Amino acid sequence: MKFRILLAAILIGITSCRQSDTKNNLVFKYNETKGIPTLDPAFARSLPVIWPVNQIYNGLVQLSDSLTIQPCIAKGWSVSSDGLTYSFNLRTDVFFHNSPAFKNGVGRKVVAADFVYSINRIANPQTASPGAWIFNALQGVNGSSKKVCEALNDSTLVIKLVKPFPAFLGLLSMPYAFVVPHEAVEFYGNEFRRNPVGTGPFQFKFWKEGEKLVLRRNPNYFEVDEVGNRLPYVEAVNISFIADKQSEFLEFLRGNIDFLSGVHATSKDELITRGGKLNPRYSKKIIMLTGPYLNTEYLAMLYDTTLENMKSNPLKNKNFRKAIACGFDREKLVTYLRSNLAYPAHQGFIPFGMPGFSDDFEGFSYNPALAKEYLSAAGFPNGKGLLPIAIATTDDYVDICEFIQHQLSEIGIPIKIEVLPGAAYREMMANSKLPMFRASWVADYADAENYLSLFTSNNFSPSGPNYSHFSSKMVDELYSKALITESIVSREAIYRQIDSIVISEVPVIPLYYDKVVRFTQKNVLGLGVNPMNLLVLKKVRKN
């Protein structure tokens, strides 16, 4: 009741006054409820860190909103015919931000040796960066006798791989691969986390942890817009740290925050309709942006029939798995449980928005008659003789599992739901203790290989992400072929072929592909959405 009274007062205020402070239009403001533990790109593993780091630093390459690889500090590159050697030609007009770490406090020009240092720093075990894995494909770093990451001169960088990996350029777009100056890392030591020095469109100004983080426009930023205007447009980025989602929402309605990400339960019914559209009462003040997000939600089943918990389990029967896949309505699931803020997964495991996804792909749709046919073919006509099959999940997804439970019961498949604490769930999933479980896979980089590696034999859990223990000689061969295929078009055709094999064998059942959902004030222009849910502020304007 208190929330609704306060909300009503705010709505009256919205219609009766206008902001008169024009300086406010020079500052982009957003809130981070989870806090920001570091501004060091070596530890940018989650969105609360990735978003501000993405404003402060740059890498060799960057992603467009459609996830194509674009030049950044590297203005061009070439790849050797064997796919092992990458040569980058760097811009000569990129400078680090001014900092006490430099002589006279003035930032110096970025050179190829800075990337050698930055890559070695990430790969060094002593740094303990969670991103060290992105350089596993290199022949060797940190004092190796072979110069596999070498600055031929100030503007030429050469990187050599152990084996071909066409997704490598995508890895280089991640924050782990952003360039940092050795002077600043050495000058600040452990305090580099709160004294960042990069090359990005915004530079560090002030940070009182838990209260406010301020970034200021970098006047020397090297990128320009389509007509030659130097980026960025706004003068500052102001990040607050209001932990309570309800309070954050109210601040957004007051106009004190320019941007909200996602829909929280506390404001969902107020902000959007049941059909997933913006509440009409806010149409004059707020813009709602949606688009694909590279996350596939799915059911997974152990494919490894040699495991003790699968020897008498009906899940080892492919027809039984197909009965489950056809036995529930993804359209209703998305409509009623996700307010249409997702896409029903009628295709493969590769999500909508990822290069390699195809609308022509034939996956599974709701077909109870066909599900019953599969159930009979599996030896369980109308579910006769079946004992309850367990779906393991965490408490965040009980509603989805209950929906599936109800619909499968109508075709004769009894389901019980096991709700586990997060840590126990992850441990049991990794160690093949869960015959069937709900899971999700979010892309680390913009290449479908990121998804299909879950189905290769050498990635069996617990040492890899193949939690289903799916094994196919054809998939392994096609996957290896994709890794030596330079053409993006040809590689994506192979990816679709792998996806088709996986879906036909049903070790996983895709449920839905997620959406990015953003809300901005009406006067915010140029924010947009992208399938990686990156926050790109260099082209944002405020009217």
Protein backbone atom coordinates (compact mmCIF):
# COMPACT_ATOMS: atom_id res chain seq x y z
CA MET A 1 0.00 0.00 0.00
CA LYS A 2 2.79 2.40 0.92
CA PHE A 3 4.49 1.71 -2.41
CA ARG A 4 1.28 2.41 -4.38
CA ILE A 5 0.67 5.72 -2.56
CA LEU A 6 4.24 6.82 -3.25
CA LEU A 7 3.91 5.69 -6.87
CA ALA A 8 0.73 7.72 -7.30
CA ALA A 9 2.45 10.81 -5.92
CA ILE A 10 5.32 10.38 -8.36
CA LEU A 11 2.95 9.98 -11.30
CA ILE A 12 1.21 13.24 -10.38
CA GLY A 13 4.62 14.90 -10.21
CA ILE A 14 5.55 13.53 -13.62
CA THR A 15 2.55 15.16 -15.26
CA SER A 16 2.84 18.47 -13.45
CA CYS A 17 6.47 19.46 -13.80
CA ARG A 18 9.46 19.43 -16.12
CA GLN A 19 13.14 19.23 -15.35
CA SER A 20 14.64 22.69 -15.74
CA ASP A 21 18.27 21.78 -15.13
CA THR A 22 19.81 21.61 -18.61
CA LYS A 23 23.08 20.30 -17.16
CA ASN A 24 21.18 17.10 -16.39
CA ASN A 25 21.07 16.41 -20.13
CA LEU A 26 24.85 16.13 -20.19
CA VAL A 27 24.95 13.26 -17.67
CA PHE A 28 23.81 9.68 -18.28
CA LYS A 29 22.65 8.10 -15.02
CA TYR A 30 22.08 4.46 -14.21
CA ASN A 31 21.91 2.34 -11.08
CA GLU A 32 23.75 -0.86 -10.22
CA THR A 33 21.86 -2.80 -7.54
CA LYS A 34 24.53 -5.50 -7.17
CA GLY A 35 27.44 -3.12 -6.64
CA ILE A 36 30.75 -3.02 -8.53
CA PRO A 37 33.66 -4.89 -6.91
CA THR A 38 36.37 -3.83 -9.38
CA LEU A 39 37.11 -1.73 -12.46
CA ASP A 40 40.01 -3.92 -13.57
CA PRO A 41 39.15 -5.61 -16.91
CA ALA A 42 41.11 -8.68 -15.80
CA PHE A 43 38.18 -9.47 -13.50
CA ALA A 44 35.25 -8.36 -15.68
CA ARG A 45 33.26 -11.59 -15.55
CA SER A 46 29.76 -10.23 -14.80
CA LEU A 47 27.62 -7.44 -16.25
CA PRO A 48 27.91 -5.12 -13.18
CA VAL A 49 31.66 -4.97 -13.90
CA ILE A 50 31.57 -5.35 -17.68
CA TRP A 51 29.30 -2.33 -18.15
CA PRO A 52 31.55 0.34 -16.58
CA VAL A 53 34.72 -1.37 -17.83
CA ASN A 54 33.29 -1.17 -21.34
CA GLN A 55 33.20 2.63 -21.02
CA ILE A 56 36.76 2.96 -19.69
CA TYR A 57 38.73 0.56 -21.92
CA ASN A 58 39.09 -0.66 -25.49
CA GLY A 59 40.45 -3.76 -27.17
CA LEU A 60 41.81 -4.64 -30.57
CA VAL A 61 38.30 -5.29 -31.91
CA GLN A 62 34.71 -4.62 -30.87
CA LEU A 63 31.23 -5.97 -31.61
CA SER A 64 28.53 -4.23 -33.60
CA ASP A 65 24.92 -4.47 -32.38
CA SER A 66 24.48 -7.33 -34.85
CA LEU A 67 27.54 -9.11 -33.35
CA THR A 68 29.88 -8.68 -36.29
CA ILE A 69 33.57 -8.08 -35.46
CA GLN A 70 34.52 -4.44 -36.06
CA PRO A 71 37.86 -2.60 -35.87
CA CYS A 72 38.68 -0.74 -32.67
CA ILE A 73 42.31 -0.03 -31.68
CA ALA A 74 43.25 -2.42 -34.46
CA LYS A 75 42.23 -0.71 -37.70
CA GLY A 76 42.82 -3.90 -39.66
CA TRP A 77 44.11 -7.47 -39.40
CA SER A 78 44.97 -10.54 -41.42
CA VAL A 79 44.95 -14.27 -40.67
CA SER A 80 47.45 -16.71 -42.14
CA SER A 81 46.21 -19.44 -44.50
CA ASP A 82 46.69 -22.09 -41.77
CA GLY A 83 44.59 -20.05 -39.32
CA LEU A 84 47.41 -19.90 -36.74
CA THR A 85 48.85 -16.40 -37.09
CA TYR A 86 46.90 -13.17 -36.54
CA SER A 87 48.57 -9.89 -37.55
CA PHE A 88 47.01 -6.64 -36.31
CA ASN A 89 47.69 -3.16 -37.66
CA LEU A 90 47.07 -0.67 -34.84
CA ARG A 91 45.84 2.91 -34.95
CA THR A 92 48.44 5.50 -34.06
CA ASP A 93 46.04 8.05 -32.55
CA VAL A 94 44.96 6.16 -29.41
CA PHE A 95 46.13 7.47 -26.01
CA PHE A 96 45.73 6.25 -22.46
CA HIS A 97 43.81 8.52 -20.11
CA ASN A 98 45.79 11.06 -18.13
CA SER A 99 46.98 9.60 -14.82
CA PRO A 100 49.58 10.20 -12.07
CA ALA A 101 51.05 6.87 -13.21
CA PHE A 102 52.54 8.63 -16.26
CA LYS A 103 55.30 11.18 -16.46
CA ASN A 104 53.81 14.65 -15.93
CA GLY A 105 50.41 12.94 -15.52
CA VAL A 106 49.79 12.91 -19.27
CA GLY A 107 48.60 9.72 -20.95
CA ARG A 108 50.89 8.32 -23.62
CA LYS A 109 50.15 6.71 -26.98
CA VAL A 110 49.13 3.05 -27.07
CA VAL A 111 51.61 0.76 -28.84
CA ALA A 112 51.65 -2.93 -29.73
CA ALA A 113 53.85 -3.73 -26.71
CA ASP A 114 50.93 -2.68 -24.47
CA PHE A 115 48.85 -5.53 -25.86
CA VAL A 116 51.70 -7.97 -25.31
CA TYR A 117 51.84 -6.84 -21.69
CA SER A 118 48.04 -6.98 -21.25
CA ILE A 119 47.73 -10.49 -22.74
CA ASN A 120 50.60 -11.81 -20.61
CA ARG A 121 49.03 -10.22 -17.55
CA ILE A 122 45.72 -12.03 -18.10
CA ALA A 123 47.39 -15.36 -18.86
CA ASN A 124 49.71 -15.14 -15.84
CA PRO A 125 48.38 -17.48 -13.09
CA GLN A 126 49.55 -14.99 -10.46
CA THR A 127 47.01 -12.47 -11.73
CA ALA A 128 44.24 -15.02 -11.01
CA SER A 129 42.09 -13.58 -13.79
CA PRO A 130 38.93 -15.62 -14.49
CA GLY A 131 39.49 -14.70 -18.15
CA ALA A 132 42.80 -16.54 -18.57
CA TRP A 133 40.99 -19.23 -20.56
CA ILE A 134 40.49 -16.93 -23.57
CA PHE A 135 44.21 -17.23 -24.30
CA ASN A 136 44.38 -21.02 -23.97
CA ALA A 137 44.68 -21.16 -27.75
CA LEU A 138 48.02 -19.32 -27.70
CA GLN A 139 51.19 -21.33 -28.15
CA GLY A 140 52.64 -19.99 -24.92
CA VAL A 141 52.91 -16.81 -22.88
CA ASN A 142 54.77 -15.48 -19.85
CA GLY A 143 58.41 -16.02 -20.63
CA SER A 144 57.98 -18.70 -23.29
CA SER A 145 61.01 -19.07 -25.53
CA LYS A 146 58.66 -18.74 -28.49
CA LYS A 147 57.43 -15.23 -29.16
CA VAL A 148 53.77 -16.05 -29.75
CA CYS A 149 52.48 -12.60 -28.86
CA GLU A 150 54.94 -10.15 -30.31
CA ALA A 151 55.13 -6.45 -31.11
CA LEU A 152 56.98 -6.24 -34.43
CA ASN A 153 56.91 -2.46 -34.05
CA ASP A 154 54.72 0.12 -32.34
CA SER A 155 51.79 -0.46 -34.68
CA THR A 156 52.07 -4.16 -35.56
CA LEU A 157 51.02 -6.97 -33.21
CA VAL A 158 51.33 -10.67 -34.05
CA ILE A 159 49.55 -13.43 -32.13
CA LYS A 160 50.12 -17.14 -32.82
CA LEU A 161 47.77 -19.97 -31.88
CA VAL A 162 48.44 -23.62 -31.11
CA LYS A 163 45.64 -24.71 -33.42
CA PRO A 164 43.09 -22.90 -35.59
CA PHE A 165 40.22 -21.31 -33.67
CA PRO A 166 38.06 -19.07 -35.90
CA ALA A 167 36.17 -17.69 -32.87
CA PHE A 168 39.41 -16.14 -31.57
CA LEU A 169 38.53 -12.66 -32.85
CA GLY A 170 35.29 -12.91 -30.87
CA LEU A 171 37.31 -13.71 -27.74
CA LEU A 172 39.39 -10.58 -28.34
CA SER A 173 36.23 -8.45 -28.11
CA MET A 174 35.79 -9.49 -24.46
CA PRO A 175 36.88 -7.13 -21.64
CA TYR A 176 39.62 -9.56 -20.61
CA ALA A 177 41.43 -8.59 -23.83
CA PHE A 178 41.24 -4.82 -23.23
CA VAL A 179 44.54 -2.98 -23.15
CA VAL A 180 45.98 -1.58 -19.90
CA PRO A 181 49.20 0.42 -19.35
CA HIS A 182 51.93 -1.32 -17.33
CA GLU A 183 52.76 2.00 -15.64
CA ALA A 184 49.32 2.22 -14.02
CA VAL A 185 49.20 -1.44 -12.97
CA GLU A 186 52.62 -1.10 -11.35
CA PHE A 187 51.92 2.34 -9.87
CA TYR A 188 48.63 1.40 -8.19
CA GLY A 189 49.33 -2.28 -7.47
CA ASN A 190 46.30 -3.86 -5.78
CA GLU A 191 44.52 -0.51 -5.94
CA PHE A 192 44.40 -0.59 -9.74
CA ARG A 193 40.92 -2.08 -9.27
CA ARG A 194 39.67 1.35 -8.13
CA ASN A 195 42.07 3.52 -10.15
CA PRO A 196 41.42 2.38 -13.73
CA VAL A 197 43.41 3.81 -16.63
CA GLY A 198 42.22 2.92 -20.10
CA THR A 199 41.65 4.38 -23.55
CA GLY A 200 37.85 4.39 -23.64
CA PRO A 201 35.25 7.09 -24.31
CA PHE A 202 34.96 7.83 -20.59
CA GLN A 203 37.67 8.16 -17.96
CA PHE A 204 37.60 7.57 -14.24
CA LYS A 205 36.75 10.58 -12.09
CA PHE A 206 35.36 9.57 -8.68
CA TRP A 207 34.24 6.45 -6.82
CA LYS A 208 32.80 6.21 -3.35
CA GLU A 209 32.08 2.51 -3.13
CA GLY A 210 28.48 1.69 -2.39
CA GLU A 211 27.35 5.27 -3.13
CA LYS A 212 28.46 6.73 -6.44
CA LEU A 213 30.81 6.16 -9.38
CA VAL A 214 31.45 9.01 -11.83
CA LEU A 215 33.10 8.75 -15.23
CA ARG A 216 33.89 11.85 -17.32
CA ARG A 217 34.02 12.27 -21.07
CA ASN A 218 37.44 11.53 -22.57
CA PRO A 219 38.18 14.64 -24.70
CA ASN A 220 40.91 12.77 -26.58
CA TYR A 221 38.86 9.73 -27.56
CA PHE A 222 39.78 8.46 -30.99
CA GLU A 223 36.42 7.36 -32.42
CA VAL A 224 34.08 9.67 -34.34
CA ASP A 225 30.51 9.29 -35.59
CA GLU A 226 29.33 8.96 -39.19
CA VAL A 227 29.71 12.69 -39.89
CA GLY A 228 33.03 13.16 -38.10
CA ASN A 229 31.87 14.34 -34.65
CA ARG A 230 34.12 13.12 -31.88
CA LEU A 231 32.55 10.60 -29.48
CA PRO A 232 31.16 10.39 -26.84
CA TYR A 233 28.29 12.88 -26.79
CA VAL A 234 27.43 13.12 -23.08
CA GLU A 235 29.82 14.72 -20.60
CA ALA A 236 29.59 12.16 -17.80
CA VAL A 237 28.24 8.83 -16.60
CA ASN A 238 26.88 8.71 -13.06
CA ILE A 239 26.37 5.27 -11.50
CA SER A 240 24.44 4.96 -8.24
CA PHE A 241 24.22 1.89 -6.01
CA ILE A 242 20.64 1.64 -4.76
CA ALA A 243 20.33 -2.01 -3.69
CA ASP A 244 16.54 -2.14 -3.38
CA LYS A 245 14.80 -2.77 -6.72
CA GLN A 246 11.62 -1.03 -5.66
CA SER A 247 13.54 2.12 -4.71
CA GLU A 248 15.43 1.94 -7.99
CA PHE A 249 12.16 1.82 -9.91
CA LEU A 250 10.78 4.84 -8.08
CA GLU A 251 13.97 6.81 -8.79
CA PHE A 252 13.57 5.91 -12.46
CA LEU A 253 10.01 7.21 -12.46
CA ARG A 254 11.21 10.45 -10.84
CA GLY A 255 13.68 10.89 -13.70
CA ASN A 256 16.73 10.48 -11.45
CA ILE A 257 17.83 7.41 -13.39
CA ASP A 258 17.95 7.31 -17.20
CA PHE A 259 17.95 3.57 -17.76
CA LEU A 260 16.62 0.33 -16.28
CA SER A 261 17.70 -3.14 -17.34
CA GLY A 262 15.26 -6.04 -17.16
CA VAL A 263 11.94 -6.37 -15.40
CA HIS A 264 11.88 -7.04 -11.67
CA ALA A 265 8.96 -8.68 -9.87
CA THR A 266 8.37 -5.56 -7.75
CA SER A 267 7.61 -3.38 -10.80
CA LYS A 268 6.58 -5.91 -13.44
CA ASP A 269 2.80 -5.51 -13.09
CA GLU A 270 3.12 -1.73 -13.03
CA LEU A 271 5.57 -1.29 -15.91
CA ILE A 272 4.41 -3.83 -18.50
CA THR A 273 1.18 -5.43 -19.66
CA ARG A 274 0.46 -9.16 -19.50
CA GLY A 275 1.40 -9.30 -23.17
CA GLY A 276 4.86 -7.91 -22.50
CA LYS A 277 4.28 -4.36 -23.79
CA LEU A 278 4.96 -1.08 -22.02
CA ASN A 279 2.07 0.05 -19.81
CA PRO A 280 0.29 2.76 -21.91
CA ARG A 281 0.24 5.16 -18.96
CA TYR A 282 4.03 5.55 -19.37
CA SER A 283 4.15 5.87 -23.14
CA LYS A 284 4.78 9.65 -23.04
CA LYS A 285 7.72 9.36 -20.64
CA ILE A 286 9.40 5.97 -21.12
CA ILE A 287 10.75 3.98 -24.05
CA MET A 288 10.82 0.17 -23.85
CA LEU A 289 13.52 -1.59 -25.90
CA THR A 290 13.63 -5.35 -26.51
CA GLY A 291 15.77 -7.67 -28.61
CA PRO A 292 17.39 -11.10 -28.60
CA TYR A 293 19.67 -12.05 -25.71
CA LEU A 294 22.15 -14.88 -26.14
CA ASN A 295 20.75 -17.19 -23.50
CA THR A 296 19.13 -20.57 -24.15
CA GLU A 297 16.97 -22.02 -21.37
CA TYR A 298 16.61 -25.78 -21.66
CA LEU A 299 15.99 -29.17 -20.09
CA ALA A 300 19.00 -31.49 -20.16
CA MET A 301 19.10 -35.26 -19.77
CA LEU A 302 22.00 -37.58 -19.19
CA TYR A 303 22.84 -39.26 -22.47
CA ASP A 304 25.46 -41.50 -20.86
CA THR A 305 23.60 -44.79 -20.27
CA THR A 306 26.63 -46.37 -18.57
CA LEU A 307 26.02 -44.24 -15.48
CA GLU A 308 24.42 -46.05 -12.56
CA ASN A 309 21.52 -43.61 -12.29
CA MET A 310 20.61 -44.17 -15.97
CA LYS A 311 20.64 -47.98 -16.26
CA SER A 312 16.89 -48.40 -15.73
CA ASN A 313 15.82 -44.82 -16.40
CA PRO A 314 13.32 -44.30 -19.25
CA LEU A 315 15.22 -41.11 -20.16
CA LYS A 316 17.81 -43.29 -21.90
CA ASN A 317 15.16 -44.01 -24.54
CA LYS A 318 15.24 -41.43 -27.35
CA ASN A 319 11.51 -41.78 -28.09
CA PHE A 320 10.75 -41.05 -24.45
CA ARG A 321 12.87 -37.91 -24.60
CA LYS A 322 11.04 -36.87 -27.78
CA ALA A 323 7.71 -37.39 -26.01
CA ILE A 324 8.80 -34.89 -23.37
CA ALA A 325 10.02 -32.45 -26.05
CA CYS A 326 6.63 -32.45 -27.80
CA GLY A 327 4.57 -32.64 -24.62
CA PHE A 328 4.47 -29.01 -23.46
CA ASP A 329 3.50 -25.70 -25.04
CA ARG A 330 6.41 -23.24 -25.29
CA GLU A 331 4.10 -20.48 -26.57
CA LYS A 332 1.99 -20.61 -23.41
CA LEU A 333 5.08 -20.96 -21.23
CA VAL A 334 6.53 -17.74 -22.64
CA THR A 335 3.20 -15.89 -22.61
CA TYR A 336 2.06 -16.72 -19.09
CA LEU A 337 5.32 -17.22 -17.20
CA ARG A 338 7.60 -14.76 -19.01
CA SER A 339 5.09 -12.13 -20.19
CA ASN A 340 6.32 -12.63 -23.77
CA LEU A 341 9.77 -11.37 -22.76
CA ALA A 342 11.37 -14.38 -24.43
CA TYR A 343 11.14 -16.30 -27.70
CA PRO A 344 9.69 -19.85 -27.73
CA ALA A 345 12.50 -22.26 -28.65
CA HIS A 346 11.07 -24.10 -31.65
CA GLN A 347 14.48 -24.29 -33.31
CA GLY A 348 17.80 -25.64 -32.06
CA PHE A 349 20.16 -24.99 -29.18
CA ILE A 350 21.76 -21.96 -30.90
CA PRO A 351 19.66 -19.01 -29.69
CA PHE A 352 17.85 -16.38 -31.69
CA GLY A 353 20.24 -13.46 -32.27
CA MET A 354 23.38 -15.57 -32.55
CA PRO A 355 24.99 -15.79 -36.01
CA GLY A 356 24.25 -19.35 -37.10
CA PHE A 357 20.65 -19.35 -35.85
CA SER A 358 18.13 -20.30 -38.55
CA ASP A 359 14.36 -19.79 -38.70
CA ASP A 360 14.19 -22.78 -41.04
CA PHE A 361 15.57 -25.09 -38.38
CA GLU A 362 13.00 -27.74 -37.38
CA GLY A 363 13.07 -28.38 -33.66
CA PHE A 364 10.22 -29.33 -31.33
CA SER A 365 6.76 -27.80 -30.92
CA TYR A 366 3.76 -28.68 -28.81
CA ASN A 367 2.04 -31.73 -30.30
CA PRO A 368 0.36 -33.91 -27.67
CA ALA A 369 -0.80 -36.50 -30.22
CA LEU A 370 2.75 -36.95 -31.52
CA ALA A 371 4.05 -37.01 -27.94
CA LYS A 372 1.72 -39.93 -27.17
CA GLU A 373 2.99 -41.76 -30.26
CA TYR A 374 6.58 -41.33 -29.06
CA LEU A 375 5.52 -42.47 -25.59
CA SER A 376 3.99 -45.66 -27.02
CA ALA A 377 7.06 -46.26 -29.18
CA ALA A 378 9.17 -46.01 -26.01
CA GLY A 379 7.09 -48.81 -24.46
CA PHE A 380 4.86 -46.70 -22.23
CA PRO A 381 1.44 -46.35 -23.92
CA ASN A 382 -0.46 -43.57 -22.16
CA GLY A 383 2.28 -43.60 -19.53
CA LYS A 384 1.51 -47.15 -18.40
CA GLY A 385 4.21 -48.49 -16.06
CA LEU A 386 5.94 -45.14 -15.62
CA LEU A 387 7.23 -44.01 -12.25
CA PRO A 388 7.60 -40.25 -11.61
CA ILE A 389 10.56 -38.69 -13.45
CA ALA A 390 12.46 -36.02 -11.51
CA ILE A 391 13.36 -32.58 -12.89
CA ALA A 392 16.04 -30.89 -10.77
CA THR A 393 16.02 -27.11 -10.56
CA THR A 394 16.72 -24.13 -8.33
CA ASP A 395 13.92 -22.13 -6.73
CA ASP A 396 14.13 -19.38 -9.41
CA TYR A 397 12.67 -21.72 -12.04
CA VAL A 398 10.11 -23.75 -10.10
CA ASP A 399 7.25 -22.07 -12.00
CA ILE A 400 8.62 -23.32 -15.34
CA CYS A 401 9.08 -26.85 -14.03
CA GLU A 402 5.56 -26.86 -12.57
CA PHE A 403 4.16 -25.76 -15.93
CA ILE A 404 5.99 -28.61 -17.69
CA GLN A 405 4.92 -31.01 -14.94
CA HIS A 406 1.26 -30.15 -15.45
CA GLN A 407 1.33 -30.43 -19.24
CA LEU A 408 3.27 -33.69 -19.31
CA SER A 409 0.83 -35.22 -16.82
CA GLU A 410 -1.91 -34.73 -19.42
CA ILE A 411 -0.17 -37.12 -21.83
CA GLY A 412 0.69 -39.67 -19.14
CA ILE A 413 4.21 -38.67 -18.06
CA PRO A 414 4.39 -38.20 -14.25
CA ILE A 415 6.94 -35.59 -13.17
CA LYS A 416 8.26 -34.71 -9.73
CA ILE A 417 10.26 -31.55 -9.07
CA GLU A 418 13.42 -31.53 -6.96
CA VAL A 419 14.34 -28.02 -5.80
CA LEU A 420 18.02 -27.76 -4.84
CA PRO A 421 20.21 -25.00 -3.42
CA GLY A 422 22.33 -23.39 -6.13
CA ALA A 423 25.66 -24.81 -4.96
CA ALA A 424 24.30 -28.36 -4.59
CA TYR A 425 22.55 -28.13 -7.95
CA ARG A 426 25.74 -27.08 -9.76
CA GLU A 427 27.83 -29.76 -8.03
CA MET A 428 25.36 -32.54 -8.86
CA MET A 429 24.95 -31.33 -12.44
CA ALA A 430 28.72 -31.25 -13.01
CA ASN A 431 29.17 -34.72 -11.53
CA SER A 432 26.39 -36.46 -13.50
CA LYS A 433 24.09 -37.01 -10.52
CA LEU A 434 20.99 -35.46 -12.11
CA PRO A 435 19.25 -37.55 -14.81
CA MET A 436 17.16 -34.54 -15.88
CA PHE A 437 17.60 -30.88 -14.95
CA ARG A 438 16.70 -27.35 -16.04
CA ALA A 439 19.69 -25.30 -17.16
CA SER A 440 20.69 -22.24 -19.16
CA TRP A 441 23.65 -21.27 -21.28
CA VAL A 442 24.65 -17.63 -21.79
CA ALA A 443 27.19 -16.79 -24.49
CA ASP A 444 30.63 -15.57 -23.44
CA TYR A 445 31.46 -14.49 -26.98
CA ALA A 446 29.57 -14.03 -30.23
CA ASP A 447 30.18 -17.33 -31.99
CA ALA A 448 27.91 -20.39 -32.07
CA GLU A 449 30.91 -22.56 -31.21
CA ASN A 450 30.30 -21.24 -27.70
CA TYR A 451 27.06 -23.31 -27.62
CA LEU A 452 28.02 -26.37 -29.62
CA SER A 453 31.13 -27.07 -27.55
CA LEU A 454 28.65 -28.39 -24.94
CA PHE A 455 28.18 -31.47 -27.09
CA THR A 456 31.72 -32.57 -27.93
CA SER A 457 33.13 -35.75 -26.40
CA ASN A 458 36.26 -34.07 -25.03
CA ASN A 459 34.12 -31.66 -23.00
CA PHE A 460 32.51 -34.22 -20.71
CA SER A 461 31.77 -32.79 -17.27
CA PRO A 462 33.18 -32.27 -14.70
CA SER A 463 36.22 -31.16 -16.75
CA GLY A 464 34.04 -29.50 -19.40
CA PRO A 465 30.51 -28.14 -19.97
CA ASN A 466 29.05 -31.27 -21.63
CA TYR A 467 26.74 -31.97 -18.67
CA SER A 468 24.59 -34.42 -20.67
CA HIS A 469 27.64 -36.56 -21.58
CA PHE A 470 26.36 -36.52 -25.14
CA SER A 471 28.74 -38.25 -27.55
CA SER A 472 28.59 -38.40 -31.33
CA LYS A 473 31.44 -39.19 -33.68
CA MET A 474 29.75 -37.13 -36.40
CA VAL A 475 29.41 -34.11 -34.11
CA ASP A 476 33.06 -34.37 -33.05
CA GLU A 477 34.18 -34.53 -36.69
CA LEU A 478 32.01 -31.61 -37.78
CA TYR A 479 33.12 -29.55 -34.80
CA SER A 480 36.77 -30.15 -35.69
CA LYS A 481 36.01 -29.23 -39.30
CA ALA A 482 34.38 -25.96 -38.19
CA LEU A 483 37.54 -25.01 -36.29
CA ILE A 484 39.57 -25.03 -39.50
CA THR A 485 36.91 -23.36 -41.67
CA GLU A 486 37.84 -19.73 -42.24
CA SER A 487 34.68 -18.68 -44.10
CA ILE A 488 32.05 -17.42 -41.65
CA VAL A 489 29.21 -18.52 -43.96
CA SER A 490 30.64 -22.04 -44.36
CA ARG A 491 31.34 -22.31 -40.64
CA GLU A 492 27.79 -21.31 -39.73
CA ALA A 493 26.44 -23.97 -42.12
CA ILE A 494 28.48 -26.56 -40.20
CA TYR A 495 27.19 -25.18 -36.89
CA ARG A 496 23.60 -25.63 -38.06
CA GLN A 497 24.38 -29.21 -39.10
CA ILE A 498 25.78 -29.95 -35.62
CA ASP A 499 22.76 -28.33 -33.99
CA SER A 500 20.44 -30.48 -36.10
CA ILE A 501 22.18 -33.69 -35.00
CA VAL A 502 22.04 -32.69 -31.35
CA ILE A 503 18.33 -31.86 -31.46
CA SER A 504 17.53 -35.11 -33.30
CA GLU A 505 19.21 -37.11 -30.51
CA VAL A 506 17.52 -35.05 -27.76
CA PRO A 507 20.13 -34.80 -24.99
CA VAL A 508 18.68 -31.31 -24.47
CA ILE A 509 15.23 -29.81 -24.98
CA PRO A 510 15.30 -26.04 -25.64
CA LEU A 511 12.55 -24.15 -23.77
CA TYR A 512 13.01 -20.53 -24.81
CA TYR A 513 15.58 -17.98 -25.95
CA ASP A 514 15.84 -14.94 -23.74
CA LYS A 515 15.26 -11.27 -24.53
CA VAL A 516 17.15 -8.15 -23.57
CA VAL A 517 14.66 -5.72 -22.02
CA ARG A 518 15.56 -2.09 -21.37
CA PHE A 519 13.64 0.99 -20.31
CA THR A 520 14.91 4.52 -20.88
CA GLN A 521 13.62 8.00 -20.31
CA LYS A 522 12.02 9.49 -23.42
CA ASN A 523 14.87 11.98 -23.85
CA VAL A 524 17.57 9.28 -24.13
CA LEU A 525 18.59 8.54 -27.71
CA GLY A 526 21.07 6.11 -29.23
CA LEU A 527 21.19 3.49 -26.50
CA GLY A 528 19.79 0.53 -28.41
CA VAL A 529 20.04 -3.16 -27.51
CA ASN A 530 22.37 -5.97 -28.52
CA PRO A 531 22.27 -9.76 -28.02
CA MET A 532 25.25 -9.70 -25.61
CA ASN A 533 23.46 -7.12 -23.43
CA LEU A 534 26.53 -4.87 -23.53
CA LEU A 535 26.07 -1.30 -22.36
CA VAL A 536 27.46 1.00 -25.05
CA LEU A 537 27.24 4.67 -24.07
CA LYS A 538 29.58 6.40 -26.51
CA LYS A 539 26.73 7.21 -28.93
CA VAL A 540 24.08 8.05 -26.35
CA ARG A 541 22.53 11.53 -26.42
CA LYS A 542 20.10 13.24 -24.06
CA ASN A 543 17.72 15.89 -25.41
